[in-house]
Amino acid sequence: MSRVNLLLLVVLVLTALAVVSAQHRARKLYSELEREQEKSRQFDIEWGQLQLEQSTWAAHGRVEKIARAKLGMGLPGADKLVVMPPRAVTGGEP
């Protein structure tokens, strides 16, 4: 009878250690999950800020202002415009 009790005690101790180990791993993984979710939220915030910055830099008025001021660009005069008539498409070839 004492061998059975000893065997059951060993099984009980091993099971208890396995439970403790599993709980520790689960807490560790949960902590890591929380950190990764926080990183994801920070990346979402940064992405929104970058999209806002891109729309600011690419605003039509800003691009036009820089083109006129720094590159000396402007609308061509009427004498510089050439209007091309549409080309007829035949046989599916361009």
PDB file of N, CA and C in Angstrom:
ATOM      1  N   MET A   1       0.822  -1.196   0.000  1.00  0.00           N
ATOM      2  CA  MET A   1       0.000   0.000   0.000  1.00  0.00           C
ATOM      3  C   MET A   1       0.863   1.255   0.000  1.00  0.00           C
ATOM      4  N   SER A   2       1.979   1.256   0.670  1.00  0.00           N
ATOM      5  CA  SER A   2       2.825   2.440   0.747  1.00  0.00           C
ATOM      6  C   SER A   2       3.460   2.771  -0.601  1.00  0.00           C
ATOM      7  N   ARG A   3       3.710   1.752  -1.432  1.00  0.00           N
ATOM      8  CA  ARG A   3       4.254   2.033  -2.770  1.00  0.00           C
ATOM      9  C   ARG A   3       3.229   2.754  -3.621  1.00  0.00           C
ATOM     10  N   VAL A   4       1.992   2.345  -3.506  1.00  0.00           N
ATOM     11  CA  VAL A   4       0.926   3.013  -4.257  1.00  0.00           C
ATOM     12  C   VAL A   4       0.799   4.465  -3.799  1.00  0.00           C
ATOM     13  N   ASN A   5       0.844   4.672  -2.489  1.00  0.00           N
ATOM     14  CA  ASN A   5       0.765   6.039  -1.952  1.00  0.00           C
ATOM     15  C   ASN A   5       1.956   6.873  -2.412  1.00  0.00           C
ATOM     16  N   LEU A   6       3.139   6.277  -2.397  1.00  0.00           N
ATOM     17  CA  LEU A   6       4.341   6.981  -2.855  1.00  0.00           C
ATOM     18  C   LEU A   6       4.235   7.323  -4.337  1.00  0.00           C
ATOM     19  N   LEU A   7       3.760   6.399  -5.132  1.00  0.00           N
ATOM     20  CA  LEU A   7       3.576   6.626  -6.563  1.00  0.00           C
ATOM     21  C   LEU A   7       2.551   7.736  -6.799  1.00  0.00           C
ATOM     22  N   LEU A   8       1.445   7.698  -6.067  1.00  0.00           N
ATOM     23  CA  LEU A   8       0.437   8.747  -6.200  1.00  0.00           C
ATOM     24  C   LEU A   8       0.976  10.110  -5.777  1.00  0.00           C
ATOM     25  N   LEU A   9       1.817  10.130  -4.757  1.00  0.00           N
ATOM     26  CA  LEU A   9       2.431  11.376  -4.298  1.00  0.00           C
ATOM     27  C   LEU A   9       3.352  11.950  -5.387  1.00  0.00           C
ATOM     28  N   VAL A  10       4.137  11.085  -6.003  1.00  0.00           N
ATOM     29  CA  VAL A  10       5.027  11.531  -7.088  1.00  0.00           C
ATOM     30  C   VAL A  10       4.204  12.071  -8.255  1.00  0.00           C
ATOM     31  N   VAL A  11       3.146  11.358  -8.632  1.00  0.00           N
ATOM     32  CA  VAL A  11       2.274  11.818  -9.719  1.00  0.00           C
ATOM     33  C   VAL A  11       1.633  13.159  -9.359  1.00  0.00           C
ATOM     34  N   LEU A  12       1.196  13.303  -8.103  1.00  0.00           N
ATOM     35  CA  LEU A  12       0.584  14.549  -7.643  1.00  0.00           C
ATOM     36  C   LEU A  12       1.571  15.714  -7.723  1.00  0.00           C
ATOM     37  N   VAL A  13       2.799  15.490  -7.278  1.00  0.00           N
ATOM     38  CA  VAL A  13       3.819  16.540  -7.307  1.00  0.00           C
ATOM     39  C   VAL A  13       4.145  16.929  -8.752  1.00  0.00           C
ATOM     40  N   LEU A  14       4.306  15.930  -9.608  1.00  0.00           N
ATOM     41  CA  LEU A  14       4.594  16.214 -11.013  1.00  0.00           C
ATOM     42  C   LEU A  14       3.448  16.978 -11.678  1.00  0.00           C
ATOM     43  N   THR A  15       2.230  16.593 -11.379  1.00  0.00           N
ATOM     44  CA  THR A  15       1.065  17.285 -11.928  1.00  0.00           C
ATOM     45  C   THR A  15       1.003  18.725 -11.433  1.00  0.00           C
ATOM     46  N   ALA A  16       1.277  18.923 -10.163  1.00  0.00           N
ATOM     47  CA  ALA A  16       1.273  20.281  -9.598  1.00  0.00           C
ATOM     48  C   ALA A  16       2.342  21.136 -10.257  1.00  0.00           C
ATOM     49  N   LEU A  17       3.523  20.582 -10.460  1.00  0.00           N
ATOM     50  CA  LEU A  17       4.589  21.323 -11.146  1.00  0.00           C
ATOM     51  C   LEU A  17       4.202  21.652 -12.594  1.00  0.00           C
ATOM     52  N   ALA A  18       3.535  20.734 -13.252  1.00  0.00           N
ATOM     53  CA  ALA A  18       3.093  20.977 -14.624  1.00  0.00           C
ATOM     54  C   ALA A  18       2.061  22.099 -14.671  1.00  0.00           C
ATOM     55  N   VAL A  19       1.151  22.119 -13.698  1.00  0.00           N
ATOM     56  CA  VAL A  19       0.142  23.184 -13.635  1.00  0.00           C
ATOM     57  C   VAL A  19       0.804  24.540 -13.410  1.00  0.00           C
ATOM     58  N   VAL A  20       1.735  24.594 -12.472  1.00  0.00           N
ATOM     59  CA  VAL A  20       2.443  25.846 -12.190  1.00  0.00           C
ATOM     60  C   VAL A  20       3.204  26.310 -13.428  1.00  0.00           C
ATOM     61  N   SER A  21       3.876  25.384 -14.075  1.00  0.00           N
ATOM     62  CA  SER A  21       4.631  25.714 -15.289  1.00  0.00           C
ATOM     63  C   SER A  21       3.704  26.231 -16.391  1.00  0.00           C
ATOM     64  N   ALA A  22       2.569  25.585 -16.573  1.00  0.00           N
ATOM     65  CA  ALA A  22       1.619  26.010 -17.612  1.00  0.00           C
ATOM     66  C   ALA A  22       1.048  27.394 -17.291  1.00  0.00           C
ATOM     67  N   GLN A  23       0.736  27.656 -16.031  1.00  0.00           N
ATOM     68  CA  GLN A  23       0.226  28.973 -15.655  1.00  0.00           C
ATOM     69  C   GLN A  23       1.280  30.060 -15.875  1.00  0.00           C
ATOM     70  N   HIS A  24       2.513  29.761 -15.532  1.00  0.00           N
ATOM     71  CA  HIS A  24       3.589  30.731 -15.728  1.00  0.00           C
ATOM     72  C   HIS A  24       3.754  31.048 -17.215  1.00  0.00           C
ATOM     73  N   ARG A  25       3.741  30.014 -18.038  1.00  0.00           N
ATOM     74  CA  ARG A  25       3.873  30.212 -19.492  1.00  0.00           C
ATOM     75  C   ARG A  25       2.694  31.006 -20.035  1.00  0.00           C
ATOM     76  N   ALA A  26       1.496  30.706 -19.560  1.00  0.00           N
ATOM     77  CA  ALA A  26       0.315  31.427 -20.029  1.00  0.00           C
ATOM     78  C   ALA A  26       0.401  32.905 -19.648  1.00  0.00           C
ATOM     79  N   ARG A  27       0.840  33.207 -18.445  1.00  0.00           N
ATOM     80  CA  ARG A  27       0.985  34.610 -18.021  1.00  0.00           C
ATOM     81  C   ARG A  27       2.056  35.321 -18.831  1.00  0.00           C
ATOM     82  N   LYS A  28       3.137  34.623 -19.087  1.00  0.00           N
ATOM     83  CA  LYS A  28       4.224  35.194 -19.876  1.00  0.00           C
ATOM     84  C   LYS A  28       3.744  35.500 -21.304  1.00  0.00           C
ATOM     85  N   LEU A  29       3.021  34.570 -21.915  1.00  0.00           N
ATOM     86  CA  LEU A  29       2.496  34.771 -23.265  1.00  0.00           C
ATOM     87  C   LEU A  29       1.463  35.892 -23.300  1.00  0.00           C
ATOM     88  N   TYR A  30       0.636  35.977 -22.262  1.00  0.00           N
ATOM     89  CA  TYR A  30      -0.356  37.046 -22.207  1.00  0.00           C
ATOM     90  C   TYR A  30       0.324  38.411 -22.102  1.00  0.00           C
ATOM     91  N   SER A  31       1.374  38.469 -21.307  1.00  0.00           N
ATOM     92  CA  SER A  31       2.131  39.712 -21.173  1.00  0.00           C
ATOM     93  C   SER A  31       2.746  40.108 -22.513  1.00  0.00           C
ATOM     94  N   GLU A  32       3.285  39.137 -23.220  1.00  0.00           N
ATOM     95  CA  GLU A  32       3.868  39.406 -24.537  1.00  0.00           C
ATOM     96  C   GLU A  32       2.789  39.854 -25.519  1.00  0.00           C
ATOM     97  N   LEU A  33       1.616  39.245 -25.450  1.00  0.00           N
ATOM     98  CA  LEU A  33       0.499  39.645 -26.304  1.00  0.00           C
ATOM     99  C   LEU A  33       0.115  41.096 -26.054  1.00  0.00           C
ATOM    100  N   GLU A  34       0.051  41.490 -24.805  1.00  0.00           N
ATOM    101  CA  GLU A  34      -0.281  42.876 -24.465  1.00  0.00           C
ATOM    102  C   GLU A  34       0.748  43.847 -25.040  1.00  0.00           C
ATOM    103  N   ARG A  35       2.034  43.502 -24.931  1.00  0.00           N
ATOM    104  CA  ARG A  35       3.088  44.361 -25.482  1.00  0.00           C
ATOM    105  C   ARG A  35       2.944  44.500 -26.996  1.00  0.00           C
ATOM    106  N   GLU A  36       2.672  43.394 -27.662  1.00  0.00           N
ATOM    107  CA  GLU A  36       2.533  43.425 -29.124  1.00  0.00           C
ATOM    108  C   GLU A  36       1.298  44.217 -29.546  1.00  0.00           C
ATOM    109  N   GLN A  37       0.219  44.110 -28.792  1.00  0.00           N
ATOM    110  CA  GLN A  37      -0.978  44.889 -29.107  1.00  0.00           C
ATOM    111  C   GLN A  37      -0.718  46.379 -28.921  1.00  0.00           C
ATOM    112  N   GLU A  38       0.057  46.742 -27.912  1.00  0.00           N
ATOM    113  CA  GLU A  38       0.417  48.148 -27.701  1.00  0.00           C
ATOM    114  C   GLU A  38       1.271  48.658 -28.862  1.00  0.00           C
ATOM    115  N   LYS A  39       2.209  47.818 -29.322  1.00  0.00           N
ATOM    116  CA  LYS A  39       3.013  48.198 -30.488  1.00  0.00           C
ATOM    117  C   LYS A  39       2.114  48.406 -31.701  1.00  0.00           C
ATOM    118  N   SER A  40       1.148  47.530 -31.866  1.00  0.00           N
ATOM    119  CA  SER A  40       0.227  47.636 -32.998  1.00  0.00           C
ATOM    120  C   SER A  40      -0.557  48.947 -32.936  1.00  0.00           C
ATOM    121  N   ARG A  41      -1.024  49.318 -31.738  1.00  0.00           N
ATOM    122  CA  ARG A  41      -1.735  50.591 -31.590  1.00  0.00           C
ATOM    123  C   ARG A  41      -0.829  51.765 -31.923  1.00  0.00           C
ATOM    124  N   GLN A  42       0.430  51.700 -31.490  1.00  0.00           N
ATOM    125  CA  GLN A  42       1.379  52.780 -31.793  1.00  0.00           C
ATOM    126  C   GLN A  42       1.640  52.867 -33.296  1.00  0.00           C
ATOM    127  N   PHE A  43       1.757  51.718 -33.952  1.00  0.00           N
ATOM    128  CA  PHE A  43       1.955  51.720 -35.402  1.00  0.00           C
ATOM    129  C   PHE A  43       0.737  52.295 -36.128  1.00  0.00           C
ATOM    130  N   ASP A  44      -0.462  51.992 -35.639  1.00  0.00           N
ATOM    131  CA  ASP A  44      -1.674  52.552 -36.239  1.00  0.00           C
ATOM    132  C   ASP A  44      -1.689  54.071 -36.111  1.00  0.00           C
ATOM    133  N   ILE A  45      -1.281  54.576 -34.954  1.00  0.00           N
ATOM    134  CA  ILE A  45      -1.228  56.025 -34.739  1.00  0.00           C
ATOM    135  C   ILE A  45      -0.201  56.644 -35.682  1.00  0.00           C
ATOM    136  N   GLU A  46       0.966  56.024 -35.764  1.00  0.00           N
ATOM    137  CA  GLU A  46       2.024  56.551 -36.640  1.00  0.00           C
ATOM    138  C   GLU A  46       1.583  56.519 -38.102  1.00  0.00           C
ATOM    139  N   TRP A  47       0.882  55.450 -38.505  1.00  0.00           N
ATOM    140  CA  TRP A  47       0.396  55.336 -39.880  1.00  0.00           C
ATOM    141  C   TRP A  47      -0.576  56.477 -40.200  1.00  0.00           C
ATOM    142  N   GLY A  48      -1.465  56.770 -39.284  1.00  0.00           N
ATOM    143  CA  GLY A  48      -2.397  57.879 -39.486  1.00  0.00           C
ATOM    144  C   GLY A  48      -1.674  59.205 -39.614  1.00  0.00           C
ATOM    145  N   GLN A  49      -0.660  59.405 -38.783  1.00  0.00           N
ATOM    146  CA  GLN A  49       0.110  60.645 -38.860  1.00  0.00           C
ATOM    147  C   GLN A  49       0.862  60.748 -40.179  1.00  0.00           C
ATOM    148  N   LEU A  50       1.415  59.634 -40.650  1.00  0.00           N
ATOM    149  CA  LEU A  50       2.133  59.643 -41.927  1.00  0.00           C
ATOM    150  C   LEU A  50       1.195  59.899 -43.100  1.00  0.00           C
ATOM    151  N   GLN A  51      -0.014  59.356 -43.041  1.00  0.00           N
ATOM    152  CA  GLN A  51      -0.981  59.621 -44.110  1.00  0.00           C
ATOM    153  C   GLN A  51      -1.362  61.095 -44.132  1.00  0.00           C
ATOM    154  N   LEU A  52      -1.549  61.684 -42.953  1.00  0.00           N
ATOM    155  CA  LEU A  52      -1.854  63.106 -42.869  1.00  0.00           C
ATOM    156  C   LEU A  52      -0.699  63.935 -43.424  1.00  0.00           C
ATOM    157  N   GLU A  53       0.508  63.567 -43.066  1.00  0.00           N
ATOM    158  CA  GLU A  53       1.690  64.289 -43.561  1.00  0.00           C
ATOM    159  C   GLU A  53       1.803  64.169 -45.082  1.00  0.00           C
ATOM    160  N   GLN A  54       1.545  62.983 -45.607  1.00  0.00           N
ATOM    161  CA  GLN A  54       1.620  62.788 -47.053  1.00  0.00           C
ATOM    162  C   GLN A  54       0.581  63.641 -47.768  1.00  0.00           C
ATOM    163  N   SER A  55      -0.629  63.687 -47.230  1.00  0.00           N
ATOM    164  CA  SER A  55      -1.661  64.499 -47.891  1.00  0.00           C
ATOM    165  C   SER A  55      -1.315  65.981 -47.828  1.00  0.00           C
ATOM    166  N   THR A  56      -0.629  66.402 -46.761  1.00  0.00           N
ATOM    167  CA  THR A  56      -0.203  67.796 -46.649  1.00  0.00           C
ATOM    168  C   THR A  56       0.864  68.112 -47.691  1.00  0.00           C
ATOM    169  N   TRP A  57       1.868  67.231 -47.805  1.00  0.00           N
ATOM    170  CA  TRP A  57       2.950  67.469 -48.761  1.00  0.00           C
ATOM    171  C   TRP A  57       2.464  67.406 -50.205  1.00  0.00           C
ATOM    172  N   ALA A  58       1.462  66.591 -50.477  1.00  0.00           N
ATOM    173  CA  ALA A  58       0.995  66.403 -51.849  1.00  0.00           C
ATOM    174  C   ALA A  58      -0.196  67.286 -52.196  1.00  0.00           C
ATOM    175  N   ALA A  59      -0.547  68.233 -51.343  1.00  0.00           N
ATOM    176  CA  ALA A  59      -1.688  69.109 -51.622  1.00  0.00           C
ATOM    177  C   ALA A  59      -1.438  69.872 -52.927  1.00  0.00           C
ATOM    178  N   HIS A  60      -2.466  69.960 -53.752  1.00  0.00           N
ATOM    179  CA  HIS A  60      -2.336  70.567 -55.082  1.00  0.00           C
ATOM    180  C   HIS A  60      -1.799  71.992 -55.001  1.00  0.00           C
ATOM    181  N   GLY A  61      -2.331  72.775 -54.087  1.00  0.00           N
ATOM    182  CA  GLY A  61      -1.890  74.167 -53.955  1.00  0.00           C
ATOM    183  C   GLY A  61      -0.419  74.270 -53.596  1.00  0.00           C
ATOM    184  N   ARG A  62       0.049  73.413 -52.731  1.00  0.00           N
ATOM    185  CA  ARG A  62       1.463  73.436 -52.335  1.00  0.00           C
ATOM    186  C   ARG A  62       2.361  73.046 -53.497  1.00  0.00           C
ATOM    187  N   VAL A  63       1.988  71.994 -54.218  1.00  0.00           N
ATOM    188  CA  VAL A  63       2.778  71.549 -55.362  1.00  0.00           C
ATOM    189  C   VAL A  63       2.832  72.648 -56.424  1.00  0.00           C
ATOM    190  N   GLU A  64       1.694  73.274 -56.673  1.00  0.00           N
ATOM    191  CA  GLU A  64       1.654  74.337 -57.683  1.00  0.00           C
ATOM    192  C   GLU A  64       2.516  75.526 -57.259  1.00  0.00           C
ATOM    193  N   LYS A  65       2.464  75.893 -55.990  1.00  0.00           N
ATOM    194  CA  LYS A  65       3.251  77.012 -55.477  1.00  0.00           C
ATOM    195  C   LYS A  65       4.743  76.737 -55.634  1.00  0.00           C
ATOM    196  N   ILE A  66       5.179  75.535 -55.292  1.00  0.00           N
ATOM    197  CA  ILE A  66       6.596  75.175 -55.416  1.00  0.00           C
ATOM    198  C   ILE A  66       7.005  75.129 -56.884  1.00  0.00           C
ATOM    199  N   ALA A  67       6.129  74.593 -57.739  1.00  0.00           N
ATOM    200  CA  ALA A  67       6.445  74.522 -59.166  1.00  0.00           C
ATOM    201  C   ALA A  67       6.637  75.918 -59.748  1.00  0.00           C
ATOM    202  N   ARG A  68       5.825  76.856 -59.333  1.00  0.00           N
ATOM    203  CA  ARG A  68       5.956  78.224 -59.846  1.00  0.00           C
ATOM    204  C   ARG A  68       7.175  78.929 -59.250  1.00  0.00           C
ATOM    205  N   ALA A  69       7.371  78.796 -57.934  1.00  0.00           N
ATOM    206  CA  ALA A  69       8.429  79.554 -57.256  1.00  0.00           C
ATOM    207  C   ALA A  69       9.822  78.971 -57.507  1.00  0.00           C
ATOM    208  N   LYS A  70       9.988  77.698 -57.337  1.00  0.00           N
ATOM    209  CA  LYS A  70      11.325  77.107 -57.410  1.00  0.00           C
ATOM    210  C   LYS A  70      11.703  76.630 -58.804  1.00  0.00           C
ATOM    211  N   LEU A  71      10.722  76.186 -59.557  1.00  0.00           N
ATOM    212  CA  LEU A  71      11.029  75.618 -60.868  1.00  0.00           C
ATOM    213  C   LEU A  71      10.670  76.551 -62.018  1.00  0.00           C
ATOM    214  N   GLY A  72      10.044  77.677 -61.712  1.00  0.00           N
ATOM    215  CA  GLY A  72       9.675  78.639 -62.756  1.00  0.00           C
ATOM    216  C   GLY A  72       8.638  78.091 -63.729  1.00  0.00           C
ATOM    217  N   MET A  73       7.822  77.189 -63.259  1.00  0.00           N
ATOM    218  CA  MET A  73       6.813  76.596 -64.139  1.00  0.00           C
ATOM    219  C   MET A  73       5.543  77.437 -64.103  1.00  0.00           C
ATOM    220  N   GLY A  74       4.798  77.356 -65.162  1.00  0.00           N
ATOM    221  CA  GLY A  74       3.528  78.067 -65.243  1.00  0.00           C
ATOM    222  C   GLY A  74       2.713  77.507 -66.391  1.00  0.00           C
ATOM    223  N   LEU A  75       1.529  78.051 -66.563  1.00  0.00           N
ATOM    224  CA  LEU A  75       0.686  77.607 -67.666  1.00  0.00           C
ATOM    225  C   LEU A  75       1.265  78.117 -68.980  1.00  0.00           C
ATOM    226  N   PRO A  76       1.268  77.309 -70.025  1.00  0.00           N
ATOM    227  CA  PRO A  76       1.776  77.772 -71.311  1.00  0.00           C
ATOM    228  C   PRO A  76       0.808  78.769 -71.942  1.00  0.00           C
ATOM    229  N   GLY A  77       1.348  79.629 -72.758  1.00  0.00           N
ATOM    230  CA  GLY A  77       0.502  80.598 -73.452  1.00  0.00           C
ATOM    231  C   GLY A  77      -0.296  79.919 -74.549  1.00  0.00           C
ATOM    232  N   ALA A  78      -1.277  80.637 -75.057  1.00  0.00           N
ATOM    233  CA  ALA A  78      -2.146  80.076 -76.096  1.00  0.00           C
ATOM    234  C   ALA A  78      -1.355  79.727 -77.344  1.00  0.00           C
ATOM    235  N   ASP A  79      -0.297  80.464 -77.627  1.00  0.00           N
ATOM    236  CA  ASP A  79       0.506  80.180 -78.813  1.00  0.00           C
ATOM    237  C   ASP A  79       1.339  78.899 -78.661  1.00  0.00           C
ATOM    238  N   LYS A  80       1.501  78.400 -77.465  1.00  0.00           N
ATOM    239  CA  LYS A  80       2.294  77.188 -77.217  1.00  0.00           C
ATOM    240  C   LYS A  80       1.434  75.920 -77.178  1.00  0.00           C
ATOM    241  N   LEU A  81       0.121  76.070 -77.126  1.00  0.00           N
ATOM    242  CA  LEU A  81      -0.762  74.907 -77.034  1.00  0.00           C
ATOM    243  C   LEU A  81      -0.988  74.290 -78.404  1.00  0.00           C
ATOM    244  N   VAL A  82      -0.959  72.984 -78.459  1.00  0.00           N
ATOM    245  CA  VAL A  82      -1.252  72.251 -79.688  1.00  0.00           C
ATOM    246  C   VAL A  82      -2.355  71.255 -79.361  1.00  0.00           C
ATOM    247  N   VAL A  83      -3.451  71.333 -80.076  1.00  0.00           N
ATOM    248  CA  VAL A  83      -4.576  70.432 -79.855  1.00  0.00           C
ATOM    249  C   VAL A  83      -4.532  69.357 -80.921  1.00  0.00           C
ATOM    250  N   MET A  84      -4.498  68.125 -80.495  1.00  0.00           N
ATOM    251  CA  MET A  84      -4.434  67.000 -81.430  1.00  0.00           C
ATOM    252  C   MET A  84      -5.825  66.399 -81.579  1.00  0.00           C
ATOM    253  N   PRO A  85      -6.228  66.163 -82.808  1.00  0.00           N
ATOM    254  CA  PRO A  85      -7.538  65.521 -82.999  1.00  0.00           C
ATOM    255  C   PRO A  85      -7.458  64.053 -82.574  1.00  0.00           C
ATOM    256  N   PRO A  86      -8.591  63.479 -82.141  1.00  0.00           N
ATOM    257  CA  PRO A  86      -8.570  62.072 -81.745  1.00  0.00           C
ATOM    258  C   PRO A  86      -8.242  61.180 -82.941  1.00  0.00           C
ATOM    259  N   ARG A  87      -7.511  60.122 -82.702  1.00  0.00           N
ATOM    260  CA  ARG A  87      -7.122  59.198 -83.763  1.00  0.00           C
ATOM    261  C   ARG A  87      -8.145  58.079 -83.850  1.00  0.00           C
ATOM    262  N   ALA A  88      -8.513  57.712 -85.036  1.00  0.00           N
ATOM    263  CA  ALA A  88      -9.472  56.628 -85.229  1.00  0.00           C
ATOM    264  C   ALA A  88      -8.784  55.299 -84.973  1.00  0.00           C
ATOM    265  N   VAL A  89      -9.477  54.411 -84.275  1.00  0.00           N
ATOM    266  CA  VAL A  89      -8.931  53.094 -83.983  1.00  0.00           C
ATOM    267  C   VAL A  89      -9.530  52.119 -84.972  1.00  0.00           C
ATOM    268  N   THR A  90      -8.634  51.385 -85.642  1.00  0.00           N
ATOM    269  CA  THR A  90      -9.125  50.383 -86.622  1.00  0.00           C
ATOM    270  C   THR A  90      -8.510  49.032 -86.304  1.00  0.00           C
ATOM    271  N   GLY A  91      -9.296  48.009 -86.354  1.00  0.00           N
ATOM    272  CA  GLY A  91      -8.811  46.646 -86.195  1.00  0.00           C
ATOM    273  C   GLY A  91      -8.245  46.318 -84.827  1.00  0.00           C
ATOM    274  N   GLY A  92      -8.552  47.108 -83.830  1.00  0.00           N
ATOM    275  CA  GLY A  92      -8.095  46.797 -82.485  1.00  0.00           C
ATOM    276  C   GLY A  92      -6.640  47.146 -82.224  1.00  0.00           C
ATOM    277  N   GLU A  93      -5.932  47.681 -83.205  1.00  0.00           N
ATOM    278  CA  GLU A  93      -4.545  48.084 -83.009  1.00  0.00           C
ATOM    279  C   GLU A  93      -4.487  49.542 -82.575  1.00  0.00           C
ATOM    280  N   PRO A  94      -3.555  49.903 -81.734  1.00  0.00           N
ATOM    281  CA  PRO A  94      -3.454  51.307 -81.295  1.00  0.00           C
ATOM    282  C   PRO A  94      -2.926  52.228 -82.362  1.00  0.00           C
TER     283      PRO A  94
END
